Amino acid sequence: MSVSSLSRLVDLREREVDRLSAEVAAKHAVSERYRRNLERMDALCQGSGATAVLPPALSLNCGNYKQAVIGMSQLHRQDLALHEADMAVTQRALTAAARKHEVFSQLLVRRQDEQRRVVEREEQKRQDEMATQVWWRSQR
């Protein structure tokens, strides 16, 4: 594989790592929103007061409200669990992409070093030939 091809591949892998990093960050922010919403729902449930001291109609209304909030909270917890599982998959993909990027980066550096050494050897050979010619001419 040529150095230019490797360089393009490294750039593509870097873009993939950047994209996945942004995706993980966005999913982390959504996860935090879920947690804050759950805290608010728990606070709503706690703040609605005791239903036993209220008149029957209000007590029923308050009980229905608490049940609705608890049900919504449970659904939200399930959504959060699914979201965190999805986030874990994306995190693993990010880790794999970062490893691939690192492997290709190291390969690119090795190829560039090899190419540089070849150029240096050719230059040294050219200079040695010139020095030999100068020496032969000075011997005449």
N, C-alpha and C. Protein backbone atom coordinates (compact mmCIF):
# COMPACT_ATOMS: atom_id res chain seq x y z
N MET A 1 0.85 -1.17 0.00
CA MET A 1 0.00 0.00 0.00
C MET A 1 0.90 1.24 0.00
N SER A 2 0.59 2.18 -0.85
CA SER A 2 1.43 3.37 -0.96
C SER A 2 1.21 4.31 0.23
N VAL A 3 2.16 5.22 0.38
CA VAL A 3 2.10 6.18 1.48
C VAL A 3 0.88 7.09 1.33
N SER A 4 0.58 7.50 0.10
CA SER A 4 -0.57 8.39 -0.09
C SER A 4 -1.88 7.64 0.23
N SER A 5 -1.96 6.37 -0.16
CA SER A 5 -3.16 5.59 0.17
C SER A 5 -3.30 5.43 1.68
N LEU A 6 -2.19 5.13 2.33
CA LEU A 6 -2.21 5.00 3.78
C LEU A 6 -2.60 6.32 4.44
N SER A 7 -2.08 7.40 3.91
CA SER A 7 -2.40 8.71 4.47
C SER A 7 -3.89 9.00 4.37
N ARG A 8 -4.48 8.67 3.21
CA ARG A 8 -5.93 8.86 3.05
C ARG A 8 -6.70 7.96 4.01
N LEU A 9 -6.23 6.73 4.17
CA LEU A 9 -6.89 5.80 5.08
C LEU A 9 -6.82 6.29 6.52
N VAL A 10 -5.67 6.83 6.90
CA VAL A 10 -5.52 7.39 8.25
C VAL A 10 -6.48 8.57 8.44
N ASP A 11 -6.58 9.41 7.42
CA ASP A 11 -7.52 10.54 7.50
C ASP A 11 -8.96 10.06 7.64
N LEU A 12 -9.33 9.04 6.87
CA LEU A 12 -10.69 8.50 6.97
C LEU A 12 -10.96 7.92 8.34
N ARG A 13 -9.99 7.19 8.87
CA ARG A 13 -10.15 6.61 10.21
C ARG A 13 -10.24 7.71 11.25
N GLU A 14 -9.49 8.77 11.07
CA GLU A 14 -9.55 9.88 12.02
C GLU A 14 -10.92 10.55 11.99
N ARG A 15 -11.47 10.70 10.79
CA ARG A 15 -12.81 11.28 10.68
C ARG A 15 -13.85 10.38 11.33
N GLU A 16 -13.66 9.06 11.16
CA GLU A 16 -14.59 8.11 11.79
C GLU A 16 -14.50 8.21 13.31
N VAL A 17 -13.29 8.33 13.83
CA VAL A 17 -13.10 8.48 15.28
C VAL A 17 -13.76 9.78 15.75
N ASP A 18 -13.57 10.85 15.01
CA ASP A 18 -14.18 12.14 15.38
C ASP A 18 -15.71 12.04 15.37
N ARG A 19 -16.25 11.39 14.33
CA ARG A 19 -17.70 11.25 14.23
C ARG A 19 -18.25 10.43 15.40
N LEU A 20 -17.58 9.32 15.68
CA LEU A 20 -18.05 8.47 16.78
C LEU A 20 -17.88 9.17 18.13
N SER A 21 -16.83 9.95 18.28
CA SER A 21 -16.64 10.71 19.53
C SER A 21 -17.78 11.70 19.73
N ALA A 22 -18.15 12.38 18.66
CA ALA A 22 -19.26 13.33 18.73
C ALA A 22 -20.57 12.59 19.05
N GLU A 23 -20.73 11.41 18.45
CA GLU A 23 -21.95 10.63 18.69
C GLU A 23 -22.01 10.17 20.16
N VAL A 24 -20.88 9.72 20.69
CA VAL A 24 -20.84 9.30 22.10
C VAL A 24 -21.14 10.50 23.01
N ALA A 25 -20.58 11.65 22.70
CA ALA A 25 -20.83 12.84 23.51
C ALA A 25 -22.32 13.23 23.46
N ALA A 26 -22.91 13.16 22.29
CA ALA A 26 -24.33 13.49 22.16
C ALA A 26 -25.19 12.49 22.94
N LYS A 27 -24.84 11.22 22.86
CA LYS A 27 -25.60 10.21 23.59
C LYS A 27 -25.42 10.37 25.09
N HIS A 28 -24.24 10.78 25.50
CA HIS A 28 -24.01 11.03 26.92
C HIS A 28 -24.89 12.19 27.39
N ALA A 29 -25.01 13.22 26.58
CA ALA A 29 -25.86 14.36 26.94
C ALA A 29 -27.32 13.92 27.05
N VAL A 30 -27.78 13.08 26.14
CA VAL A 30 -29.16 12.57 26.20
C VAL A 30 -29.35 11.75 27.46
N SER A 31 -28.35 10.95 27.80
CA SER A 31 -28.41 10.14 29.01
C SER A 31 -28.55 11.02 30.25
N GLU A 32 -27.81 12.10 30.28
CA GLU A 32 -27.92 13.04 31.40
C GLU A 32 -29.31 13.67 31.47
N ARG A 33 -29.88 13.97 30.30
CA ARG A 33 -31.24 14.52 30.28
C ARG A 33 -32.23 13.51 30.85
N TYR A 34 -32.07 12.25 30.46
CA TYR A 34 -32.93 11.19 31.03
C TYR A 34 -32.83 11.19 32.56
N ARG A 35 -31.61 11.24 33.07
CA ARG A 35 -31.41 11.19 34.53
C ARG A 35 -32.04 12.40 35.22
N ARG A 36 -31.85 13.57 34.64
CA ARG A 36 -32.46 14.77 35.24
C ARG A 36 -33.98 14.68 35.20
N ASN A 37 -34.54 14.17 34.11
CA ASN A 37 -35.99 14.00 34.02
C ASN A 37 -36.49 13.01 35.06
N LEU A 38 -35.75 11.94 35.26
CA LEU A 38 -36.13 10.96 36.28
C LEU A 38 -36.10 11.58 37.67
N GLU A 39 -35.10 12.40 37.94
CA GLU A 39 -35.04 13.08 39.23
C GLU A 39 -36.25 13.99 39.42
N ARG A 40 -36.62 14.70 38.36
CA ARG A 40 -37.78 15.59 38.44
C ARG A 40 -39.06 14.80 38.66
N MET A 41 -39.19 13.66 37.97
CA MET A 41 -40.39 12.84 38.14
C MET A 41 -40.46 12.28 39.56
N ASP A 42 -39.33 11.86 40.09
CA ASP A 42 -39.31 11.38 41.48
C ASP A 42 -39.70 12.50 42.44
N ALA A 43 -39.21 13.71 42.16
CA ALA A 43 -39.56 14.85 43.01
C ALA A 43 -41.06 15.16 42.90
N LEU A 44 -41.62 15.05 41.70
CA LEU A 44 -43.06 15.28 41.53
C LEU A 44 -43.87 14.27 42.34
N CYS A 45 -43.42 13.03 42.33
CA CYS A 45 -44.11 11.98 43.07
C CYS A 45 -44.04 12.26 44.57
N GLN A 46 -42.86 12.63 45.04
CA GLN A 46 -42.67 12.91 46.46
C GLN A 46 -43.45 14.17 46.87
N GLY A 47 -43.50 15.14 45.99
CA GLY A 47 -44.11 16.41 46.32
C GLY A 47 -45.62 16.43 46.24
N SER A 48 -46.21 15.37 45.75
CA SER A 48 -47.66 15.40 45.60
C SER A 48 -48.39 15.19 46.92
N GLY A 49 -47.68 14.82 47.96
CA GLY A 49 -48.29 14.72 49.30
C GLY A 49 -49.00 13.41 49.54
N ALA A 50 -49.48 13.27 50.76
CA ALA A 50 -50.20 12.06 51.17
C ALA A 50 -51.63 12.15 50.69
N THR A 51 -52.16 11.03 50.23
CA THR A 51 -53.52 11.03 49.70
C THR A 51 -54.56 10.70 50.77
N ALA A 52 -54.16 10.15 51.90
CA ALA A 52 -55.11 9.71 52.93
C ALA A 52 -55.79 10.88 53.62
N VAL A 53 -55.15 12.04 53.69
CA VAL A 53 -55.72 13.17 54.42
C VAL A 53 -56.62 14.03 53.54
N LEU A 54 -56.75 13.72 52.27
CA LEU A 54 -57.55 14.52 51.34
C LEU A 54 -58.97 13.96 51.24
N PRO A 55 -59.90 14.79 50.77
CA PRO A 55 -61.24 14.28 50.48
C PRO A 55 -61.15 13.19 49.41
N PRO A 56 -62.13 12.28 49.36
CA PRO A 56 -62.05 11.13 48.46
C PRO A 56 -61.80 11.48 46.99
N ALA A 57 -62.46 12.50 46.47
CA ALA A 57 -62.29 12.87 45.06
C ALA A 57 -60.87 13.34 44.80
N LEU A 58 -60.36 14.19 45.69
CA LEU A 58 -58.99 14.68 45.53
C LEU A 58 -57.98 13.57 45.77
N SER A 59 -58.28 12.69 46.70
CA SER A 59 -57.41 11.57 46.99
C SER A 59 -57.29 10.66 45.77
N LEU A 60 -58.41 10.39 45.11
CA LEU A 60 -58.41 9.57 43.90
C LEU A 60 -57.63 10.25 42.79
N ASN A 61 -57.85 11.55 42.64
CA ASN A 61 -57.14 12.32 41.62
C ASN A 61 -55.63 12.29 41.89
N CYS A 62 -55.25 12.50 43.12
CA CYS A 62 -53.83 12.51 43.50
C CYS A 62 -53.22 11.12 43.29
N GLY A 63 -53.96 10.08 43.63
CA GLY A 63 -53.47 8.72 43.43
C GLY A 63 -53.27 8.41 41.96
N ASN A 64 -54.24 8.83 41.14
CA ASN A 64 -54.10 8.63 39.69
C ASN A 64 -52.89 9.39 39.14
N TYR A 65 -52.69 10.60 39.63
CA TYR A 65 -51.54 11.41 39.22
C TYR A 65 -50.23 10.69 39.56
N LYS A 66 -50.14 10.19 40.80
CA LYS A 66 -48.92 9.50 41.23
C LYS A 66 -48.69 8.25 40.37
N GLN A 67 -49.76 7.51 40.11
CA GLN A 67 -49.64 6.30 39.29
C GLN A 67 -49.13 6.66 37.89
N ALA A 68 -49.67 7.73 37.32
CA ALA A 68 -49.25 8.15 35.98
C ALA A 68 -47.77 8.55 35.99
N VAL A 69 -47.37 9.30 37.00
CA VAL A 69 -45.97 9.74 37.08
C VAL A 69 -45.06 8.53 37.30
N ILE A 70 -45.47 7.60 38.15
CA ILE A 70 -44.67 6.39 38.39
C ILE A 70 -44.57 5.56 37.11
N GLY A 71 -45.67 5.42 36.39
CA GLY A 71 -45.66 4.67 35.13
C GLY A 71 -44.75 5.32 34.10
N MET A 72 -44.85 6.65 34.00
CA MET A 72 -44.00 7.38 33.08
C MET A 72 -42.53 7.25 33.49
N SER A 73 -42.29 7.28 34.77
CA SER A 73 -40.93 7.14 35.29
C SER A 73 -40.36 5.77 34.95
N GLN A 74 -41.18 4.73 35.09
CA GLN A 74 -40.72 3.38 34.75
C GLN A 74 -40.39 3.26 33.27
N LEU A 75 -41.25 3.84 32.42
CA LEU A 75 -40.97 3.83 30.98
C LEU A 75 -39.69 4.59 30.68
N HIS A 76 -39.51 5.69 31.37
CA HIS A 76 -38.31 6.51 31.18
C HIS A 76 -37.06 5.73 31.60
N ARG A 77 -37.16 4.98 32.68
CA ARG A 77 -36.02 4.15 33.13
C ARG A 77 -35.69 3.08 32.09
N GLN A 78 -36.74 2.48 31.51
CA GLN A 78 -36.51 1.49 30.46
C GLN A 78 -35.84 2.13 29.25
N ASP A 79 -36.33 3.30 28.86
CA ASP A 79 -35.72 4.03 27.74
C ASP A 79 -34.26 4.36 28.04
N LEU A 80 -33.99 4.76 29.28
CA LEU A 80 -32.62 5.07 29.67
C LEU A 80 -31.74 3.84 29.58
N ALA A 81 -32.24 2.69 30.03
CA ALA A 81 -31.46 1.45 29.95
C ALA A 81 -31.15 1.08 28.50
N LEU A 82 -32.15 1.21 27.62
CA LEU A 82 -31.92 0.94 26.20
C LEU A 82 -30.93 1.93 25.60
N HIS A 83 -31.08 3.17 25.98
CA HIS A 83 -30.18 4.21 25.47
C HIS A 83 -28.74 3.94 25.94
N GLU A 84 -28.57 3.54 27.19
CA GLU A 84 -27.23 3.26 27.70
C GLU A 84 -26.63 2.04 27.02
N ALA A 85 -27.45 1.05 26.68
CA ALA A 85 -26.95 -0.11 25.93
C ALA A 85 -26.48 0.33 24.54
N ASP A 86 -27.27 1.19 23.91
CA ASP A 86 -26.89 1.73 22.61
C ASP A 86 -25.61 2.55 22.71
N MET A 87 -25.50 3.31 23.79
CA MET A 87 -24.30 4.13 24.01
C MET A 87 -23.07 3.23 24.20
N ALA A 88 -23.25 2.09 24.88
CA ALA A 88 -22.14 1.16 25.08
C ALA A 88 -21.68 0.58 23.75
N VAL A 89 -22.63 0.28 22.86
CA VAL A 89 -22.27 -0.23 21.53
C VAL A 89 -21.48 0.83 20.76
N THR A 90 -21.94 2.06 20.82
CA THR A 90 -21.24 3.15 20.14
C THR A 90 -19.86 3.36 20.74
N GLN A 91 -19.75 3.23 22.05
CA GLN A 91 -18.45 3.38 22.71
C GLN A 91 -17.48 2.28 22.26
N ARG A 92 -17.99 1.06 22.13
CA ARG A 92 -17.13 -0.03 21.65
C ARG A 92 -16.69 0.23 20.21
N ALA A 93 -17.62 0.73 19.39
CA ALA A 93 -17.27 1.06 18.01
C ALA A 93 -16.21 2.16 17.98
N LEU A 94 -16.33 3.13 18.87
CA LEU A 94 -15.34 4.20 18.96
C LEU A 94 -13.97 3.64 19.35
N THR A 95 -13.96 2.74 20.31
CA THR A 95 -12.70 2.13 20.74
C THR A 95 -12.06 1.36 19.59
N ALA A 96 -12.87 0.58 18.87
CA ALA A 96 -12.35 -0.18 17.73
C ALA A 96 -11.83 0.75 16.64
N ALA A 97 -12.56 1.81 16.37
CA ALA A 97 -12.13 2.77 15.34
C ALA A 97 -10.83 3.46 15.75
N ALA A 98 -10.71 3.79 17.03
CA ALA A 98 -9.49 4.44 17.52
C ALA A 98 -8.31 3.48 17.39
N ARG A 99 -8.53 2.20 17.69
CA ARG A 99 -7.45 1.21 17.53
C ARG A 99 -7.03 1.10 16.07
N LYS A 100 -8.01 1.02 15.16
CA LYS A 100 -7.70 0.93 13.74
C LYS A 100 -6.92 2.17 13.29
N HIS A 101 -7.37 3.33 13.74
CA HIS A 101 -6.68 4.57 13.39
C HIS A 101 -5.23 4.52 13.85
N GLU A 102 -5.02 4.05 15.07
CA GLU A 102 -3.66 3.99 15.62
C GLU A 102 -2.81 3.00 14.83
N VAL A 103 -3.37 1.86 14.47
CA VAL A 103 -2.61 0.86 13.69
C VAL A 103 -2.20 1.45 12.35
N PHE A 104 -3.15 2.08 11.66
CA PHE A 104 -2.83 2.65 10.35
C PHE A 104 -1.87 3.83 10.48
N SER A 105 -1.99 4.60 11.55
CA SER A 105 -1.06 5.71 11.77
C SER A 105 0.36 5.18 11.96
N GLN A 106 0.50 4.13 12.75
CA GLN A 106 1.83 3.55 12.96
C GLN A 106 2.39 2.97 11.67
N LEU A 107 1.53 2.31 10.90
CA LEU A 107 1.96 1.77 9.61
C LEU A 107 2.40 2.89 8.68
N LEU A 108 1.66 3.98 8.67
CA LEU A 108 2.02 5.12 7.84
C LEU A 108 3.37 5.68 8.24
N VAL A 109 3.61 5.82 9.53
CA VAL A 109 4.90 6.34 10.01
C VAL A 109 6.03 5.41 9.57
N ARG A 110 5.80 4.11 9.70
CA ARG A 110 6.85 3.15 9.27
C ARG A 110 7.13 3.27 7.78
N ARG A 111 6.06 3.37 6.99
CA ARG A 111 6.24 3.48 5.53
C ARG A 111 6.95 4.79 5.18
N GLN A 112 6.59 5.86 5.87
CA GLN A 112 7.25 7.14 5.60
C GLN A 112 8.73 7.06 5.98
N ASP A 113 9.03 6.38 7.08
CA ASP A 113 10.43 6.19 7.49
C ASP A 113 11.18 5.36 6.46
N GLU A 114 10.55 4.29 5.98
CA GLU A 114 11.18 3.47 4.95
C GLU A 114 11.45 4.28 3.70
N GLN A 115 10.46 5.05 3.29
CA GLN A 115 10.60 5.88 2.10
C GLN A 115 11.72 6.92 2.29
N ARG A 116 11.78 7.51 3.47
CA ARG A 116 12.82 8.49 3.76
C ARG A 116 14.21 7.82 3.71
N ARG A 117 14.32 6.62 4.27
CA ARG A 117 15.61 5.91 4.25
C ARG A 117 16.04 5.57 2.83
N VAL A 118 15.08 5.17 1.98
CA VAL A 118 15.39 4.87 0.57
C VAL A 118 15.92 6.12 -0.11
N VAL A 119 15.26 7.24 0.11
CA VAL A 119 15.70 8.50 -0.50
C VAL A 119 17.09 8.88 0.01
N GLU A 120 17.30 8.71 1.32
CA GLU A 120 18.61 9.04 1.89
C GLU A 120 19.70 8.13 1.33
N ARG A 121 19.40 6.83 1.16
CA ARG A 121 20.39 5.91 0.58
C ARG A 121 20.72 6.30 -0.85
N GLU A 122 19.68 6.63 -1.62
CA GLU A 122 19.91 7.05 -3.01
C GLU A 122 20.75 8.32 -3.06
N GLU A 123 20.45 9.25 -2.17
CA GLU A 123 21.24 10.50 -2.12
C GLU A 123 22.67 10.21 -1.72
N GLN A 124 22.85 9.34 -0.73
CA GLN A 124 24.21 8.98 -0.30
C GLN A 124 24.96 8.28 -1.43
N LYS A 125 24.28 7.41 -2.15
CA LYS A 125 24.90 6.72 -3.28
C LYS A 125 25.32 7.72 -4.36
N ARG A 126 24.46 8.68 -4.63
CA ARG A 126 24.76 9.71 -5.63
C ARG A 126 25.96 10.53 -5.20
N GLN A 127 26.01 10.91 -3.93
CA GLN A 127 27.14 11.69 -3.43
C GLN A 127 28.43 10.86 -3.44
N ASP A 128 28.33 9.58 -3.12
CA ASP A 128 29.51 8.71 -3.17
C ASP A 128 30.04 8.58 -4.59
N GLU A 129 29.12 8.46 -5.56
CA GLU A 129 29.55 8.38 -6.96
C GLU A 129 30.23 9.67 -7.40
N MET A 130 29.67 10.80 -6.98
CA MET A 130 30.30 12.09 -7.33
C MET A 130 31.68 12.19 -6.69
N ALA A 131 31.79 11.77 -5.45
CA ALA A 131 33.08 11.83 -4.76
C ALA A 131 34.08 10.92 -5.44
N THR A 132 33.64 9.75 -5.90
CA THR A 132 34.53 8.82 -6.60
C THR A 132 35.01 9.44 -7.90
N GLN A 133 34.08 10.10 -8.63
CA GLN A 133 34.47 10.74 -9.88
C GLN A 133 35.47 11.86 -9.62
N VAL A 134 35.25 12.65 -8.60
CA VAL A 134 36.17 13.73 -8.26
C VAL A 134 37.54 13.14 -7.91
N TRP A 135 37.54 12.07 -7.16
CA TRP A 135 38.81 11.45 -6.76
C TRP A 135 39.55 10.91 -7.98
N TRP A 136 38.82 10.24 -8.92
CA TRP A 136 39.44 9.70 -10.13
C TRP A 136 40.02 10.83 -10.96
N ARG A 137 39.30 11.93 -11.04
CA ARG A 137 39.80 13.05 -11.85
C ARG A 137 41.04 13.68 -11.20
N SER A 138 41.06 13.68 -9.89
CA SER A 138 42.23 14.26 -9.23
C SER A 138 43.44 13.33 -9.33
N GLN A 139 43.24 12.05 -9.62
CA GLN A 139 44.35 11.11 -9.76
C GLN A 139 44.97 11.15 -11.13
N ARG A 140 44.40 11.76 -12.07
CA ARG A 140 44.91 11.82 -13.44
C ARG A 140 45.92 12.87 -13.61
